[in-house]
Full PDB file with SEQRES, HELIX, SHEET, SSBOND, CRYST1, ORIGX, SCALE, CONECT and MASTER records, all heavy atoms in Angstrom:
SEQRES   1 A   38  LEU HIS GLN HIS PRO GLU LEU SER GLY ARG GLU PHE ARG          
SEQRES   2 A   38  THR ALA ARG VAL VAL ALA GLU LYS LEU LYS GLU TYR GLY          
SEQRES   3 A   38  VAL ASP GLU VAL VAL GLU ASN PHE GLY GLY THR THR              
HELIX    1 AA1 PHE A   12  TYR A   25  1                                  14    
HELIX    2 AA2 PHE A   34  GLY A   36  5                                   3    
CRYST1    1.000    1.000    1.000  90.00  90.00  90.00 P 1           1          
ORIGX1      1.000000  0.000000  0.000000        0.00000                         
ORIGX2      0.000000  1.000000  0.000000        0.00000                         
ORIGX3      0.000000  0.000000  1.000000        0.00000                         
SCALE1      1.000000  0.000000  0.000000        0.00000                         
SCALE2      0.000000  1.000000  0.000000        0.00000                         
SCALE3      0.000000  0.000000  1.000000        0.00000                         
ATOM      1  N   LEU A   1      -0.692  30.688  -3.029  1.00  0.00           N  
ATOM      2  CA  LEU A   1      -1.172  29.334  -3.176  1.00  0.00           C  
ATOM      3  C   LEU A   1      -1.446  28.649  -1.821  1.00  0.00           C  
ATOM      4  O   LEU A   1      -2.354  27.907  -1.669  1.00  0.00           O  
ATOM      5  CB  LEU A   1      -0.183  28.475  -3.991  1.00  0.00           C  
ATOM      6  CG  LEU A   1       0.030  28.954  -5.416  1.00  0.00           C  
ATOM      7  CD1 LEU A   1       1.168  28.117  -6.074  1.00  0.00           C  
ATOM      8  CD2 LEU A   1      -1.246  28.774  -6.273  1.00  0.00           C  
ATOM      9  N   HIS A   2      -0.587  29.021  -0.862  1.00  0.00           N  
ATOM     10  CA  HIS A   2      -0.772  28.393   0.427  1.00  0.00           C  
ATOM     11  C   HIS A   2      -2.121  28.859   1.076  1.00  0.00           C  
ATOM     12  O   HIS A   2      -2.774  28.102   1.847  1.00  0.00           O  
ATOM     13  CB  HIS A   2       0.363  28.851   1.394  1.00  0.00           C  
ATOM     14  CG  HIS A   2       0.414  28.145   2.707  1.00  0.00           C  
ATOM     15  ND1 HIS A   2       1.039  26.936   2.759  1.00  0.00           N  
ATOM     16  CD2 HIS A   2      -0.119  28.368   3.873  1.00  0.00           C  
ATOM     17  CE1 HIS A   2       0.930  26.397   4.027  1.00  0.00           C  
ATOM     18  NE2 HIS A   2       0.180  27.335   4.710  1.00  0.00           N  
ATOM     19  N   GLN A   3      -2.531  30.146   0.801  1.00  0.00           N  
ATOM     20  CA  GLN A   3      -3.755  30.592   1.335  1.00  0.00           C  
ATOM     21  C   GLN A   3      -4.989  30.021   0.667  1.00  0.00           C  
ATOM     22  O   GLN A   3      -6.069  30.093   1.263  1.00  0.00           O  
ATOM     23  CB  GLN A   3      -3.844  32.092   1.183  1.00  0.00           C  
ATOM     24  CG  GLN A   3      -2.883  32.831   2.063  1.00  0.00           C  
ATOM     25  CD  GLN A   3      -2.946  34.358   1.918  1.00  0.00           C  
ATOM     26  OE1 GLN A   3      -3.797  34.997   2.439  1.00  0.00           O  
ATOM     27  NE2 GLN A   3      -2.025  34.918   1.180  1.00  0.00           N  
ATOM     28  N   HIS A   4      -4.802  29.442  -0.557  1.00  0.00           N  
ATOM     29  CA  HIS A   4      -5.912  28.903  -1.308  1.00  0.00           C  
ATOM     30  C   HIS A   4      -5.664  27.443  -1.743  1.00  0.00           C  
ATOM     31  O   HIS A   4      -5.568  27.131  -2.896  1.00  0.00           O  
ATOM     32  CB  HIS A   4      -6.131  29.796  -2.557  1.00  0.00           C  
ATOM     33  CG  HIS A   4      -6.468  31.161  -2.215  1.00  0.00           C  
ATOM     34  ND1 HIS A   4      -5.431  32.188  -2.142  1.00  0.00           N  
ATOM     35  CD2 HIS A   4      -7.632  31.871  -1.952  1.00  0.00           C  
ATOM     36  CE1 HIS A   4      -6.012  33.347  -1.876  1.00  0.00           C  
ATOM     37  NE2 HIS A   4      -7.270  33.162  -1.676  1.00  0.00           N  
ATOM     38  N   PRO A   5      -5.439  26.572  -0.720  1.00  0.00           N  
ATOM     39  CA  PRO A   5      -5.188  25.160  -1.071  1.00  0.00           C  
ATOM     40  C   PRO A   5      -6.363  24.498  -1.638  1.00  0.00           C  
ATOM     41  O   PRO A   5      -7.569  24.834  -1.285  1.00  0.00           O  
ATOM     42  CB  PRO A   5      -4.730  24.555   0.301  1.00  0.00           C  
ATOM     43  CG  PRO A   5      -5.597  25.390   1.283  1.00  0.00           C  
ATOM     44  CD  PRO A   5      -5.671  26.742   0.730  1.00  0.00           C  
ATOM     45  N   GLU A   6      -6.096  23.493  -2.491  1.00  0.00           N  
ATOM     46  CA  GLU A   6      -7.188  22.739  -3.107  1.00  0.00           C  
ATOM     47  C   GLU A   6      -6.865  21.187  -3.039  1.00  0.00           C  
ATOM     48  O   GLU A   6      -5.738  20.850  -3.298  1.00  0.00           O  
ATOM     49  CB  GLU A   6      -7.403  23.154  -4.554  1.00  0.00           C  
ATOM     50  CG  GLU A   6      -7.812  24.623  -4.671  1.00  0.00           C  
ATOM     51  CD  GLU A   6      -7.893  25.173  -6.076  1.00  0.00           C  
ATOM     52  OE1 GLU A   6      -6.892  25.128  -6.801  1.00  0.00           O  
ATOM     53  OE2 GLU A   6      -9.024  25.517  -6.529  1.00  0.00           O  
ATOM     54  N   LEU A   7      -7.853  20.422  -2.802  1.00  0.00           N  
ATOM     55  CA  LEU A   7      -7.708  19.000  -2.614  1.00  0.00           C  
ATOM     56  C   LEU A   7      -7.392  18.305  -4.003  1.00  0.00           C  
ATOM     57  O   LEU A   7      -7.656  18.924  -5.027  1.00  0.00           O  
ATOM     58  CB  LEU A   7      -8.918  18.335  -1.953  1.00  0.00           C  
ATOM     59  CG  LEU A   7      -9.089  18.730  -0.504  1.00  0.00           C  
ATOM     60  CD1 LEU A   7     -10.439  18.210   0.053  1.00  0.00           C  
ATOM     61  CD2 LEU A   7      -7.943  18.325   0.455  1.00  0.00           C  
ATOM     62  N   SER A   8      -6.970  17.112  -3.954  1.00  0.00           N  
ATOM     63  CA  SER A   8      -6.613  16.428  -5.167  1.00  0.00           C  
ATOM     64  C   SER A   8      -7.819  16.298  -6.110  1.00  0.00           C  
ATOM     65  O   SER A   8      -8.934  15.919  -5.742  1.00  0.00           O  
ATOM     66  CB  SER A   8      -6.239  14.936  -4.766  1.00  0.00           C  
ATOM     67  OG  SER A   8      -5.086  14.997  -3.871  1.00  0.00           O  
ATOM     68  N   GLY A   9      -7.499  16.609  -7.365  1.00  0.00           N  
ATOM     69  CA  GLY A   9      -8.507  16.596  -8.431  1.00  0.00           C  
ATOM     70  C   GLY A   9      -9.422  17.879  -8.438  1.00  0.00           C  
ATOM     71  O   GLY A   9     -10.242  17.913  -9.322  1.00  0.00           O  
ATOM     72  N   ARG A  10      -9.174  18.772  -7.515  1.00  0.00           N  
ATOM     73  CA  ARG A  10     -10.009  20.020  -7.482  1.00  0.00           C  
ATOM     74  C   ARG A  10      -9.125  21.227  -7.617  1.00  0.00           C  
ATOM     75  O   ARG A  10      -9.494  22.281  -7.077  1.00  0.00           O  
ATOM     76  CB  ARG A  10     -10.849  20.051  -6.216  1.00  0.00           C  
ATOM     77  CG  ARG A  10     -11.709  18.811  -5.968  1.00  0.00           C  
ATOM     78  CD  ARG A  10     -12.340  18.871  -4.596  1.00  0.00           C  
ATOM     79  NE  ARG A  10     -13.041  17.640  -4.299  1.00  0.00           N  
ATOM     80  CZ  ARG A  10     -13.639  17.383  -3.119  1.00  0.00           C  
ATOM     81  NH1 ARG A  10     -13.639  18.308  -2.171  1.00  0.00           N  
ATOM     82  NH2 ARG A  10     -14.196  16.248  -2.846  1.00  0.00           N  
ATOM     83  N   GLU A  11      -7.990  21.128  -8.214  1.00  0.00           N  
ATOM     84  CA  GLU A  11      -7.001  22.180  -8.287  1.00  0.00           C  
ATOM     85  C   GLU A  11      -7.356  23.261  -9.279  1.00  0.00           C  
ATOM     86  O   GLU A  11      -6.516  23.625 -10.151  1.00  0.00           O  
ATOM     87  CB  GLU A  11      -5.568  21.646  -8.548  1.00  0.00           C  
ATOM     88  CG  GLU A  11      -5.131  20.514  -7.585  1.00  0.00           C  
ATOM     89  CD  GLU A  11      -5.549  19.153  -8.135  1.00  0.00           C  
ATOM     90  OE1 GLU A  11      -6.417  19.084  -8.951  1.00  0.00           O  
ATOM     91  OE2 GLU A  11      -4.913  18.128  -7.634  1.00  0.00           O  
ATOM     92  N   PHE A  12      -8.575  23.718  -9.346  1.00  0.00           N  
ATOM     93  CA  PHE A  12      -9.100  24.581 -10.316  1.00  0.00           C  
ATOM     94  C   PHE A  12      -8.405  26.007 -10.342  1.00  0.00           C  
ATOM     95  O   PHE A  12      -7.945  26.472 -11.331  1.00  0.00           O  
ATOM     96  CB  PHE A  12     -10.634  24.702 -10.233  1.00  0.00           C  
ATOM     97  CG  PHE A  12     -11.308  23.398 -10.284  1.00  0.00           C  
ATOM     98  CD1 PHE A  12     -12.038  22.913  -9.204  1.00  0.00           C  
ATOM     99  CD2 PHE A  12     -11.321  22.608 -11.463  1.00  0.00           C  
ATOM    100  CE1 PHE A  12     -12.679  21.744  -9.167  1.00  0.00           C  
ATOM    101  CE2 PHE A  12     -11.977  21.414 -11.465  1.00  0.00           C  
ATOM    102  CZ  PHE A  12     -12.625  20.901 -10.352  1.00  0.00           C  
ATOM    103  N   ARG A  13      -8.474  26.604  -9.139  1.00  0.00           N  
ATOM    104  CA  ARG A  13      -7.863  27.999  -9.018  1.00  0.00           C  
ATOM    105  C   ARG A  13      -6.373  27.854  -9.240  1.00  0.00           C  
ATOM    106  O   ARG A  13      -5.745  28.732  -9.913  1.00  0.00           O  
ATOM    107  CB  ARG A  13      -8.108  28.575  -7.618  1.00  0.00           C  
ATOM    108  CG  ARG A  13      -7.537  29.957  -7.495  1.00  0.00           C  
ATOM    109  CD  ARG A  13      -7.644  30.449  -5.981  1.00  0.00           C  
ATOM    110  NE  ARG A  13      -7.097  31.837  -5.913  1.00  0.00           N  
ATOM    111  CZ  ARG A  13      -5.836  32.138  -5.715  1.00  0.00           C  
ATOM    112  NH1 ARG A  13      -4.969  31.038  -5.567  1.00  0.00           N  
ATOM    113  NH2 ARG A  13      -5.414  33.348  -5.554  1.00  0.00           N  
ATOM    114  N   THR A  14      -5.762  26.837  -8.619  1.00  0.00           N  
ATOM    115  CA  THR A  14      -4.285  26.693  -8.762  1.00  0.00           C  
ATOM    116  C   THR A  14      -3.888  26.530 -10.209  1.00  0.00           C  
ATOM    117  O   THR A  14      -2.993  27.273 -10.670  1.00  0.00           O  
ATOM    118  CB  THR A  14      -3.847  25.391  -8.004  1.00  0.00           C  
ATOM    119  OG1 THR A  14      -4.240  25.549  -6.636  1.00  0.00           O  
ATOM    120  CG2 THR A  14      -2.326  25.288  -8.073  1.00  0.00           C  
ATOM    121  N   ALA A  15      -4.583  25.729 -10.968  1.00  0.00           N  
ATOM    122  CA  ALA A  15      -4.337  25.558 -12.362  1.00  0.00           C  
ATOM    123  C   ALA A  15      -4.506  26.855 -13.098  1.00  0.00           C  
ATOM    124  O   ALA A  15      -3.713  27.163 -14.034  1.00  0.00           O  
ATOM    125  CB  ALA A  15      -5.215  24.498 -12.962  1.00  0.00           C  
ATOM    126  N   ARG A  16      -5.548  27.587 -12.813  1.00  0.00           N  
ATOM    127  CA  ARG A  16      -5.786  28.805 -13.499  1.00  0.00           C  
ATOM    128  C   ARG A  16      -4.659  29.917 -13.262  1.00  0.00           C  
ATOM    129  O   ARG A  16      -4.180  30.541 -14.214  1.00  0.00           O  
ATOM    130  CB  ARG A  16      -7.073  29.418 -13.045  1.00  0.00           C  
ATOM    131  CG  ARG A  16      -7.490  30.741 -13.812  1.00  0.00           C  
ATOM    132  CD  ARG A  16      -8.813  31.190 -13.447  1.00  0.00           C  
ATOM    133  NE  ARG A  16      -8.874  31.830 -12.072  1.00  0.00           N  
ATOM    134  CZ  ARG A  16      -9.444  31.272 -11.043  1.00  0.00           C  
ATOM    135  NH1 ARG A  16     -10.009  30.042 -11.144  1.00  0.00           N  
ATOM    136  NH2 ARG A  16      -9.409  31.822  -9.859  1.00  0.00           N  
ATOM    137  N   VAL A  17      -4.222  29.976 -12.013  1.00  0.00           N  
ATOM    138  CA  VAL A  17      -3.130  30.830 -11.671  1.00  0.00           C  
ATOM    139  C   VAL A  17      -1.866  30.390 -12.463  1.00  0.00           C  
ATOM    140  O   VAL A  17      -1.130  31.249 -12.972  1.00  0.00           O  
ATOM    141  CB  VAL A  17      -2.874  30.855 -10.094  1.00  0.00           C  
ATOM    142  CG1 VAL A  17      -1.557  31.590  -9.791  1.00  0.00           C  
ATOM    143  CG2 VAL A  17      -4.067  31.561  -9.492  1.00  0.00           C  
ATOM    144  N   VAL A  18      -1.522  29.195 -12.391  1.00  0.00           N  
ATOM    145  CA  VAL A  18      -0.320  28.643 -13.094  1.00  0.00           C  
ATOM    146  C   VAL A  18      -0.356  28.947 -14.624  1.00  0.00           C  
ATOM    147  O   VAL A  18       0.563  29.521 -15.161  1.00  0.00           O  
ATOM    148  CB  VAL A  18      -0.271  27.108 -12.870  1.00  0.00           C  
ATOM    149  CG1 VAL A  18       0.844  26.539 -13.847  1.00  0.00           C  
ATOM    150  CG2 VAL A  18       0.145  26.753 -11.462  1.00  0.00           C  
ATOM    151  N   ALA A  19      -1.481  28.723 -15.229  1.00  0.00           N  
ATOM    152  CA  ALA A  19      -1.605  28.936 -16.688  1.00  0.00           C  
ATOM    153  C   ALA A  19      -1.487  30.437 -16.988  1.00  0.00           C  
ATOM    154  O   ALA A  19      -0.748  30.820 -17.931  1.00  0.00           O  
ATOM    155  CB  ALA A  19      -2.954  28.443 -17.150  1.00  0.00           C  
ATOM    156  N   GLU A  20      -2.057  31.247 -16.166  1.00  0.00           N  
ATOM    157  CA  GLU A  20      -1.899  32.757 -16.377  1.00  0.00           C  
ATOM    158  C   GLU A  20      -0.529  33.154 -16.225  1.00  0.00           C  
ATOM    159  O   GLU A  20      -0.076  34.018 -17.024  1.00  0.00           O  
ATOM    160  CB  GLU A  20      -2.867  33.493 -15.421  1.00  0.00           C  
ATOM    161  CG  GLU A  20      -4.362  33.369 -15.683  1.00  0.00           C  
ATOM    162  CD  GLU A  20      -5.221  33.914 -14.573  1.00  0.00           C  
ATOM    163  OE1 GLU A  20      -4.672  34.351 -13.569  1.00  0.00           O  
ATOM    164  OE2 GLU A  20      -6.454  33.929 -14.764  1.00  0.00           O  
ATOM    165  N   LYS A  21       0.165  32.714 -15.290  1.00  0.00           N  
ATOM    166  CA  LYS A  21       1.567  33.093 -15.078  1.00  0.00           C  
ATOM    167  C   LYS A  21       2.453  32.670 -16.260  1.00  0.00           C  
ATOM    168  O   LYS A  21       3.293  33.330 -16.706  1.00  0.00           O  
ATOM    169  CB  LYS A  21       2.118  32.503 -13.748  1.00  0.00           C  
ATOM    170  CG  LYS A  21       1.548  33.182 -12.472  1.00  0.00           C  
ATOM    171  CD  LYS A  21       2.097  34.553 -12.301  1.00  0.00           C  
ATOM    172  CE  LYS A  21       1.633  35.200 -11.021  1.00  0.00           C  
ATOM    173  NZ  LYS A  21       2.120  36.550 -10.799  1.00  0.00           N  
ATOM    174  N   LEU A  22       2.255  31.323 -16.614  1.00  0.00           N  
ATOM    175  CA  LEU A  22       3.091  30.818 -17.760  1.00  0.00           C  
ATOM    176  C   LEU A  22       2.937  31.709 -19.030  1.00  0.00           C  
ATOM    177  O   LEU A  22       3.859  31.961 -19.708  1.00  0.00           O  
ATOM    178  CB  LEU A  22       2.721  29.442 -17.987  1.00  0.00           C  
ATOM    179  CG  LEU A  22       3.006  28.355 -16.913  1.00  0.00           C  
ATOM    180  CD1 LEU A  22       2.759  26.953 -17.383  1.00  0.00           C  
ATOM    181  CD2 LEU A  22       4.513  28.475 -16.373  1.00  0.00           C  
ATOM    182  N   LYS A  23       1.635  32.051 -19.284  1.00  0.00           N  
ATOM    183  CA  LYS A  23       1.421  32.866 -20.500  1.00  0.00           C  
ATOM    184  C   LYS A  23       2.000  34.279 -20.341  1.00  0.00           C  
ATOM    185  O   LYS A  23       2.616  34.805 -21.231  1.00  0.00           O  
ATOM    186  CB  LYS A  23      -0.091  32.963 -20.652  1.00  0.00           C  
ATOM    187  CG  LYS A  23      -0.808  31.638 -21.032  1.00  0.00           C  
ATOM    188  CD  LYS A  23      -2.314  31.785 -21.135  1.00  0.00           C  
ATOM    189  CE  LYS A  23      -2.973  30.495 -21.382  1.00  0.00           C  
ATOM    190  NZ  LYS A  23      -4.438  30.622 -21.284  1.00  0.00           N  
ATOM    191  N   GLU A  24       1.903  34.789 -19.095  1.00  0.00           N  
ATOM    192  CA  GLU A  24       2.542  36.119 -18.870  1.00  0.00           C  
ATOM    193  C   GLU A  24       3.985  36.107 -19.049  1.00  0.00           C  
ATOM    194  O   GLU A  24       4.631  37.023 -19.575  1.00  0.00           O  
ATOM    195  CB  GLU A  24       2.193  36.527 -17.427  1.00  0.00           C  
ATOM    196  CG  GLU A  24       2.852  37.854 -16.954  1.00  0.00           C  
ATOM    197  CD  GLU A  24       2.604  38.083 -15.447  1.00  0.00           C  
ATOM    198  OE1 GLU A  24       1.703  37.517 -14.865  1.00  0.00           O  
ATOM    199  OE2 GLU A  24       3.443  38.873 -14.859  1.00  0.00           O  
ATOM    200  N   TYR A  25       4.642  35.062 -18.623  1.00  0.00           N  
ATOM    201  CA  TYR A  25       6.100  34.926 -18.704  1.00  0.00           C  
ATOM    202  C   TYR A  25       6.624  34.542 -20.074  1.00  0.00           C  
ATOM    203  O   TYR A  25       7.823  34.588 -20.258  1.00  0.00           O  
ATOM    204  CB  TYR A  25       6.629  33.847 -17.682  1.00  0.00           C  
ATOM    205  CG  TYR A  25       6.391  34.261 -16.273  1.00  0.00           C  
ATOM    206  CD1 TYR A  25       6.309  33.263 -15.276  1.00  0.00           C  
ATOM    207  CD2 TYR A  25       6.255  35.630 -15.876  1.00  0.00           C  
ATOM    208  CE1 TYR A  25       6.164  33.643 -13.883  1.00  0.00           C  
ATOM    209  CE2 TYR A  25       6.039  35.874 -14.537  1.00  0.00           C  
ATOM    210  CZ  TYR A  25       5.937  34.915 -13.540  1.00  0.00           C  
ATOM    211  OH  TYR A  25       5.797  35.260 -12.252  1.00  0.00           O  
ATOM    212  N   GLY A  26       5.826  34.251 -20.916  1.00  0.00           N  
ATOM    213  CA  GLY A  26       6.225  33.978 -22.380  1.00  0.00           C  
ATOM    214  C   GLY A  26       6.470  32.520 -22.733  1.00  0.00           C  
ATOM    215  O   GLY A  26       7.118  32.251 -23.670  1.00  0.00           O  
ATOM    216  N   VAL A  27       5.854  31.594 -21.977  1.00  0.00           N  
ATOM    217  CA  VAL A  27       5.913  30.163 -22.339  1.00  0.00           C  
ATOM    218  C   VAL A  27       5.202  29.987 -23.673  1.00  0.00           C  
ATOM    219  O   VAL A  27       4.088  30.524 -23.855  1.00  0.00           O  
ATOM    220  CB  VAL A  27       5.298  29.277 -21.223  1.00  0.00           C  
ATOM    221  CG1 VAL A  27       5.259  27.817 -21.640  1.00  0.00           C  
ATOM    222  CG2 VAL A  27       6.134  29.359 -19.960  1.00  0.00           C  
ATOM    223  N   ASP A  28       5.825  29.331 -24.650  1.00  0.00           N  
ATOM    224  CA  ASP A  28       5.345  29.232 -25.956  1.00  0.00           C  
ATOM    225  C   ASP A  28       4.002  28.543 -26.154  1.00  0.00           C  
ATOM    226  O   ASP A  28       3.192  28.997 -26.949  1.00  0.00           O  
ATOM    227  CB  ASP A  28       6.454  28.594 -26.836  1.00  0.00           C  
ATOM    228  CG  ASP A  28       7.685  29.459 -26.901  1.00  0.00           C  
ATOM    229  OD1 ASP A  28       7.658  30.452 -27.593  1.00  0.00           O  
ATOM    230  OD2 ASP A  28       8.717  29.035 -26.260  1.00  0.00           O  
ATOM    231  N   GLU A  29       3.864  27.504 -25.385  1.00  0.00           N  
ATOM    232  CA  GLU A  29       2.559  26.760 -25.559  1.00  0.00           C  
ATOM    233  C   GLU A  29       2.132  26.368 -24.117  1.00  0.00           C  
ATOM    234  O   GLU A  29       2.892  25.795 -23.321  1.00  0.00           O  
ATOM    235  CB  GLU A  29       2.806  25.492 -26.327  1.00  0.00           C  
ATOM    236  CG  GLU A  29       1.577  24.624 -26.535  1.00  0.00           C  
ATOM    237  CD  GLU A  29       1.751  23.368 -27.281  1.00  0.00           C  
ATOM    238  OE1 GLU A  29       2.903  23.211 -27.833  1.00  0.00           O  
ATOM    239  OE2 GLU A  29       0.868  22.572 -27.508  1.00  0.00           O  
ATOM    240  N   VAL A  30       0.879  26.669 -23.839  1.00  0.00           N  
ATOM    241  CA  VAL A  30       0.311  26.347 -22.530  1.00  0.00           C  
ATOM    242  C   VAL A  30      -0.978  25.558 -22.734  1.00  0.00           C  
ATOM    243  O   VAL A  30      -1.923  26.082 -23.340  1.00  0.00           O  
ATOM    244  CB  VAL A  30       0.013  27.572 -21.699  1.00  0.00           C  
ATOM    245  CG1 VAL A  30      -0.593  27.234 -20.305  1.00  0.00           C  
ATOM    246  CG2 VAL A  30       1.270  28.468 -21.470  1.00  0.00           C  
ATOM    247  N   VAL A  31      -1.021  24.333 -22.280  1.00  0.00           N  
ATOM    248  CA  VAL A  31      -2.166  23.461 -22.413  1.00  0.00           C  
ATOM    249  C   VAL A  31      -2.845  23.322 -21.039  1.00  0.00           C  
ATOM    250  O   VAL A  31      -2.166  22.818 -20.110  1.00  0.00           O  
ATOM    251  CB  VAL A  31      -1.792  22.121 -22.993  1.00  0.00           C  
ATOM    252  CG1 VAL A  31      -3.002  21.227 -23.057  1.00  0.00           C  
ATOM    253  CG2 VAL A  31      -1.156  22.221 -24.281  1.00  0.00           C  
ATOM    254  N   GLU A  32      -4.097  23.708 -20.915  1.00  0.00           N  
ATOM    255  CA  GLU A  32      -4.861  23.537 -19.689  1.00  0.00           C  
ATOM    256  C   GLU A  32      -5.781  22.329 -19.761  1.00  0.00           C  
ATOM    257  O   GLU A  32      -6.052  21.843 -20.899  1.00  0.00           O  
ATOM    258  CB  GLU A  32      -5.679  24.781 -19.434  1.00  0.00           C  
ATOM    259  CG  GLU A  32      -4.898  26.017 -19.330  1.00  0.00           C  
ATOM    260  CD  GLU A  32      -5.653  27.340 -19.183  1.00  0.00           C  
ATOM    261  OE1 GLU A  32      -6.392  27.426 -18.212  1.00  0.00           O  
ATOM    262  OE2 GLU A  32      -5.587  28.150 -20.126  1.00  0.00           O  
ATOM    263  N   ASN A  33      -6.088  21.807 -18.608  1.00  0.00           N  
ATOM    264  CA  ASN A  33      -6.928  20.631 -18.534  1.00  0.00           C  
ATOM    265  C   ASN A  33      -6.449  19.430 -19.384  1.00  0.00           C  
ATOM    266  O   ASN A  33      -7.154  18.688 -20.014  1.00  0.00           O  
ATOM    267  CB  ASN A  33      -8.394  20.900 -19.032  1.00  0.00           C  
ATOM    268  CG  ASN A  33      -9.007  22.038 -18.237  1.00  0.00           C  
ATOM    269  OD1 ASN A  33      -9.354  23.118 -18.826  1.00  0.00           O  
ATOM    270  ND2 ASN A  33      -9.140  21.912 -16.920  1.00  0.00           N  
ATOM    271  N   PHE A  34      -5.107  19.298 -19.252  1.00  0.00           N  
ATOM    272  CA  PHE A  34      -4.456  18.200 -20.053  1.00  0.00           C  
ATOM    273  C   PHE A  34      -4.979  16.844 -19.628  1.00  0.00           C  
ATOM    274  O   PHE A  34      -5.139  16.520 -18.409  1.00  0.00           O  
ATOM    275  CB  PHE A  34      -2.955  18.200 -19.797  1.00  0.00           C  
ATOM    276  CG  PHE A  34      -2.191  17.239 -20.673  1.00  0.00           C  
ATOM    277  CD1 PHE A  34      -1.750  17.493 -21.889  1.00  0.00           C  
ATOM    278  CD2 PHE A  34      -1.982  15.929 -20.194  1.00  0.00           C  
ATOM    279  CE1 PHE A  34      -1.065  16.611 -22.709  1.00  0.00           C  
ATOM    280  CE2 PHE A  34      -1.348  14.962 -20.971  1.00  0.00           C  
ATOM    281  CZ  PHE A  34      -0.885  15.315 -22.193  1.00  0.00           C  
ATOM    282  N   GLY A  35      -5.351  16.044 -20.587  1.00  0.00           N  
ATOM    283  CA  GLY A  35      -5.807  14.669 -20.290  1.00  0.00           C  
ATOM    284  C   GLY A  35      -7.127  14.629 -19.583  1.00  0.00           C  
ATOM    285  O   GLY A  35      -7.399  13.597 -18.925  1.00  0.00           O  
ATOM    286  N   GLY A  36      -7.883  15.651 -19.642  1.00  0.00           N  
ATOM    287  CA  GLY A  36      -9.173  15.709 -18.979  1.00  0.00           C  
ATOM    288  C   GLY A  36      -9.050  15.932 -17.432  1.00  0.00           C  
ATOM    289  O   GLY A  36      -9.985  15.697 -16.703  1.00  0.00           O  
ATOM    290  N   THR A  37      -7.884  16.454 -17.040  1.00  0.00           N  
ATOM    291  CA  THR A  37      -7.619  16.725 -15.555  1.00  0.00           C  
ATOM    292  C   THR A  37      -7.435  18.226 -15.396  1.00  0.00           C  
ATOM    293  O   THR A  37      -7.474  18.950 -16.318  1.00  0.00           O  
ATOM    294  CB  THR A  37      -6.404  15.911 -15.149  1.00  0.00           C  
ATOM    295  OG1 THR A  37      -5.190  16.542 -15.657  1.00  0.00           O  
ATOM    296  CG2 THR A  37      -6.416  14.451 -15.553  1.00  0.00           C  
ATOM    297  N   THR A  38      -7.012  18.613 -14.235  1.00  0.00           N  
ATOM    298  CA  THR A  38      -6.702  20.030 -13.976  1.00  0.00           C  
ATOM    299  C   THR A  38      -5.198  20.252 -14.276  1.00  0.00           C  
ATOM    300  O   THR A  38      -4.744  21.384 -13.979  1.00  0.00           O  
ATOM    301  CB  THR A  38      -6.991  20.355 -12.521  1.00  0.00           C  
ATOM    302  OG1 THR A  38      -6.341  19.410 -11.620  1.00  0.00           O  
ATOM    303  CG2 THR A  38      -8.502  20.392 -12.261  1.00  0.00           C  
TER     304      THR A  38                                                      
MASTER        0    0    0    2    0    0    0    6  303    1    0    3          
END                                                                             
C-alpha cells in the first residue's frame, strides 16, 4: 500500500486490495463502494 498511495477520494486500488483480502480471509459480508464512495 505504501508503494501505491492514492489521494483522498481516489482510493480505487486500495479499496480493491482491501475487499479482495477480506473475502479471502472469510469475512461474511463485504460491501464495496459503500455510500457511493470508495
